[in-house]
C-alpha atoms as a PDB file:
ATOM      1  CA  UNK A   1      -5.308  -0.081 -27.386  1.00  0.00           C
ATOM      2  CA  UNK A   2      -2.280   1.833 -28.521  1.00  0.00           C
ATOM      3  CA  UNK A   3       0.524   0.192 -26.518  1.00  0.00           C
ATOM      4  CA  UNK A   4      -0.449  -3.444 -26.307  1.00  0.00           C
ATOM      5  CA  UNK A   5       1.018  -6.752 -27.480  1.00  0.00           C
ATOM      6  CA  UNK A   6      -0.220  -7.709 -30.948  1.00  0.00           C
ATOM      7  CA  UNK A   7      -0.055 -11.426 -30.073  1.00  0.00           C
ATOM      8  CA  UNK A   8      -1.623 -11.791 -26.611  1.00  0.00           C
ATOM      9  CA  UNK A   9      -3.197  -8.336 -26.168  1.00  0.00           C
ATOM     10  CA  UNK A  10      -1.369  -7.528 -22.933  1.00  0.00           C
ATOM     11  CA  UNK A  11      -1.614  -3.819 -22.127  1.00  0.00           C
ATOM     12  CA  UNK A  12      -1.040  -1.390 -19.257  1.00  0.00           C
ATOM     13  CA  UNK A  13      -2.430  -2.417 -15.867  1.00  0.00           C
ATOM     14  CA  UNK A  14      -3.432  -0.043 -13.061  1.00  0.00           C
ATOM     15  CA  UNK A  15      -2.146  -0.327  -9.506  1.00  0.00           C
ATOM     16  CA  UNK A  16      -0.936   1.708  -6.558  1.00  0.00           C
ATOM     17  CA  UNK A  17       2.457   3.087  -5.586  1.00  0.00           C
ATOM     18  CA  UNK A  18       2.777   2.728  -1.833  1.00  0.00           C
ATOM     19  CA  UNK A  19       5.232   5.003  -0.008  1.00  0.00           C
ATOM     20  CA  UNK A  20       6.581   3.546   3.255  1.00  0.00           C
ATOM     21  CA  UNK A  21       8.609   5.248   6.003  1.00  0.00           C
ATOM     22  CA  UNK A  22      10.210   4.030   9.176  1.00  0.00           C
ATOM     23  CA  UNK A  23      12.543   1.306  10.343  1.00  0.00           C
ATOM     24  CA  UNK A  24      11.269  -2.256  10.595  1.00  0.00           C
ATOM     25  CA  UNK A  25      10.696  -3.646  14.092  1.00  0.00           C
ATOM     26  CA  UNK A  26      13.028  -6.587  13.550  1.00  0.00           C
ATOM     27  CA  UNK A  27      15.789  -4.075  12.833  1.00  0.00           C
ATOM     28  CA  UNK A  28      15.170  -2.232  16.096  1.00  0.00           C
ATOM     29  CA  UNK A  29      12.771   0.431  14.883  1.00  0.00           C
ATOM     30  CA  UNK A  30       9.207   1.266  15.901  1.00  0.00           C
ATOM     31  CA  UNK A  31       7.757  -0.205  12.698  1.00  0.00           C
ATOM     32  CA  UNK A  32       7.025   0.950   9.159  1.00  0.00           C
ATOM     33  CA  UNK A  33       4.112   3.189   8.256  1.00  0.00           C
ATOM     34  CA  UNK A  34       2.352   3.818   4.959  1.00  0.00           C
ATOM     35  CA  UNK A  35       2.636   7.544   4.289  1.00  0.00           C
ATOM     36  CA  UNK A  36       1.092   7.733   0.845  1.00  0.00           C
ATOM     37  CA  UNK A  37      -0.777   5.817  -1.829  1.00  0.00           C
ATOM     38  CA  UNK A  38      -0.921   7.131  -5.369  1.00  0.00           C
ATOM     39  CA  UNK A  39      -2.150   5.507  -8.589  1.00  0.00           C
ATOM     40  CA  UNK A  40       0.353   4.247 -11.166  1.00  0.00           C
ATOM     41  CA  UNK A  41       0.535   2.183 -14.350  1.00  0.00           C
ATOM     42  CA  UNK A  42       2.365  -1.098 -14.874  1.00  0.00           C
ATOM     43  CA  UNK A  43       3.404  -1.100 -18.532  1.00  0.00           C
ATOM     44  CA  UNK A  44       4.262  -4.297 -20.448  1.00  0.00           C
ATOM     45  CA  UNK A  45       7.775  -4.760 -21.817  1.00  0.00           C
ATOM     46  CA  UNK A  46       7.031  -4.339 -25.533  1.00  0.00           C
ATOM     47  CA  UNK A  47       9.621  -4.855 -28.262  1.00  0.00           C
ATOM     48  CA  UNK A  48       9.385  -3.942 -31.934  1.00  0.00           C
ATOM     49  CA  UNK A  49      10.168  -7.143 -33.855  1.00  0.00           C
ATOM     50  CA  UNK A  50      10.367  -7.993 -37.553  1.00  0.00           C
ATOM     51  CA  UNK A  51       8.445 -11.264 -37.788  1.00  0.00           C
ATOM     52  CA  UNK A  52       7.023 -13.522 -40.476  1.00  0.00           C
ATOM     53  CA  UNK A  53       3.219 -13.541 -40.487  1.00  0.00           C
ATOM     54  CA  UNK A  54       1.402 -15.638 -43.121  1.00  0.00           C
ATOM     55  CA  UNK A  55       4.468 -15.640 -45.384  1.00  0.00           C
ATOM     56  CA  UNK A  56       5.090 -11.862 -45.247  1.00  0.00           C
ATOM     57  CA  UNK A  57       7.506  -9.927 -43.049  1.00  0.00           C
ATOM     58  CA  UNK A  58       5.830  -7.401 -40.756  1.00  0.00           C
ATOM     59  CA  UNK A  59       6.894  -5.194 -37.872  1.00  0.00           C
ATOM     60  CA  UNK A  60       5.013  -6.184 -34.712  1.00  0.00           C
ATOM     61  CA  UNK A  61       4.852  -4.749 -31.210  1.00  0.00           C
ATOM     62  CA  UNK A  62       5.238  -7.862 -29.033  1.00  0.00           C
ATOM     63  CA  UNK A  63       5.688  -8.418 -25.284  1.00  0.00           C
ATOM     64  CA  UNK A  64       8.827 -10.222 -24.160  1.00  0.00           C
ATOM     65  CA  UNK A  65       6.858 -13.186 -22.782  1.00  0.00           C
ATOM     66  CA  UNK A  66       5.489 -13.920 -26.271  1.00  0.00           C
ATOM     67  CA  UNK A  67       9.018 -13.656 -27.697  1.00  0.00           C
ATOM     68  CA  UNK A  68      10.445 -16.071 -25.119  1.00  0.00           C
ATOM     69  CA  UNK A  69       7.605 -18.566 -25.450  1.00  0.00           C
ATOM     70  CA  UNK A  70       8.121 -18.856 -29.211  1.00  0.00           C
ATOM     71  CA  UNK A  71       4.717 -17.413 -30.154  1.00  0.00           C
ATOM     72  CA  UNK A  72       6.490 -15.217 -32.727  1.00  0.00           C
ATOM     73  CA  UNK A  73       8.565 -16.549 -35.627  1.00  0.00           C
ATOM     74  CA  UNK A  74      11.292 -14.023 -36.274  1.00  0.00           C
ATOM     75  CA  UNK A  75      12.248 -13.471 -39.884  1.00  0.00           C
ATOM     76  CA  UNK A  76      15.460 -14.992 -41.200  1.00  0.00           C
ATOM     77  CA  UNK A  77      17.981 -12.268 -42.078  1.00  0.00           C
ATOM     78  CA  UNK A  78      20.265 -14.381 -44.267  1.00  0.00           C
ATOM     79  CA  UNK A  79      20.610 -18.016 -45.241  1.00  0.00           C
ATOM     80  CA  UNK A  80      23.512 -19.681 -43.394  1.00  0.00           C
ATOM     81  CA  UNK A  81      26.585 -20.551 -45.455  1.00  0.00           C
ATOM     82  CA  UNK A  82      26.300 -23.793 -47.437  1.00  0.00           C
ATOM     83  CA  UNK A  83      28.753 -25.504 -49.734  1.00  0.00           C
ATOM     84  CA  UNK A  84      27.639 -26.013 -53.327  1.00  0.00           C
ATOM     85  CA  UNK A  85      26.093 -29.454 -53.849  1.00  0.00           C
ATOM     86  CA  UNK A  86      28.675 -30.766 -56.344  1.00  0.00           C
ATOM     87  CA  UNK A  87      31.741 -29.746 -54.298  1.00  0.00           C
ATOM     88  CA  UNK A  88      30.227 -31.249 -51.141  1.00  0.00           C
ATOM     89  CA  UNK A  89      29.838 -34.575 -52.961  1.00  0.00           C
ATOM     90  CA  UNK A  90      33.502 -34.479 -54.062  1.00  0.00           C
ATOM     91  CA  UNK A  91      34.781 -33.966 -50.527  1.00  0.00           C
ATOM     92  CA  UNK A  92      32.894 -37.013 -49.241  1.00  0.00           C
ATOM     93  CA  UNK A  93      34.969 -39.953 -50.466  1.00  0.00           C
ATOM     94  CA  UNK A  94      33.326 -43.387 -50.335  1.00  0.00           C
ATOM     95  CA  UNK A  95      34.391 -45.390 -47.314  1.00  0.00           C
ATOM     96  CA  UNK A  96      36.732 -48.280 -48.075  1.00  0.00           C
ATOM     97  CA  UNK A  97      35.757 -51.616 -46.647  1.00  0.00           C
ATOM     98  CA  UNK A  98      38.456 -54.079 -45.693  1.00  0.00           C
ATOM     99  CA  UNK A  99      37.915 -57.781 -45.108  1.00  0.00           C
END
C-alpha cells in the first residue's frame, strides 16, 4: 500500500459519513433523523521520520501510535555536550576525611 505505516502496516480504513438533521428530543425537538450516508476514508496519522534501522539512518513513514509507543528509534542529531576527560578529573577534587 502506498500510504501505510512501515512499522505496523496500518493503512486507510473505509467507513461511512452519516449526516444528521433535527433537534434532539431531550432538547425539546422532535428528534434527529439520518438524512444521508456516504462512504469515506479514515486515514492514519503518518509522519515522515528519520530513524535508525539496522545501524543506518533511513526516512520512514510511521504512524503516530508507533512513534509514541517507542517502536521507532529516532536518529541522534548531535552528541550532547561533554567535558573533556582530563579536565573533568581535575575539577573533581578528592574528598578530605576528618577524624
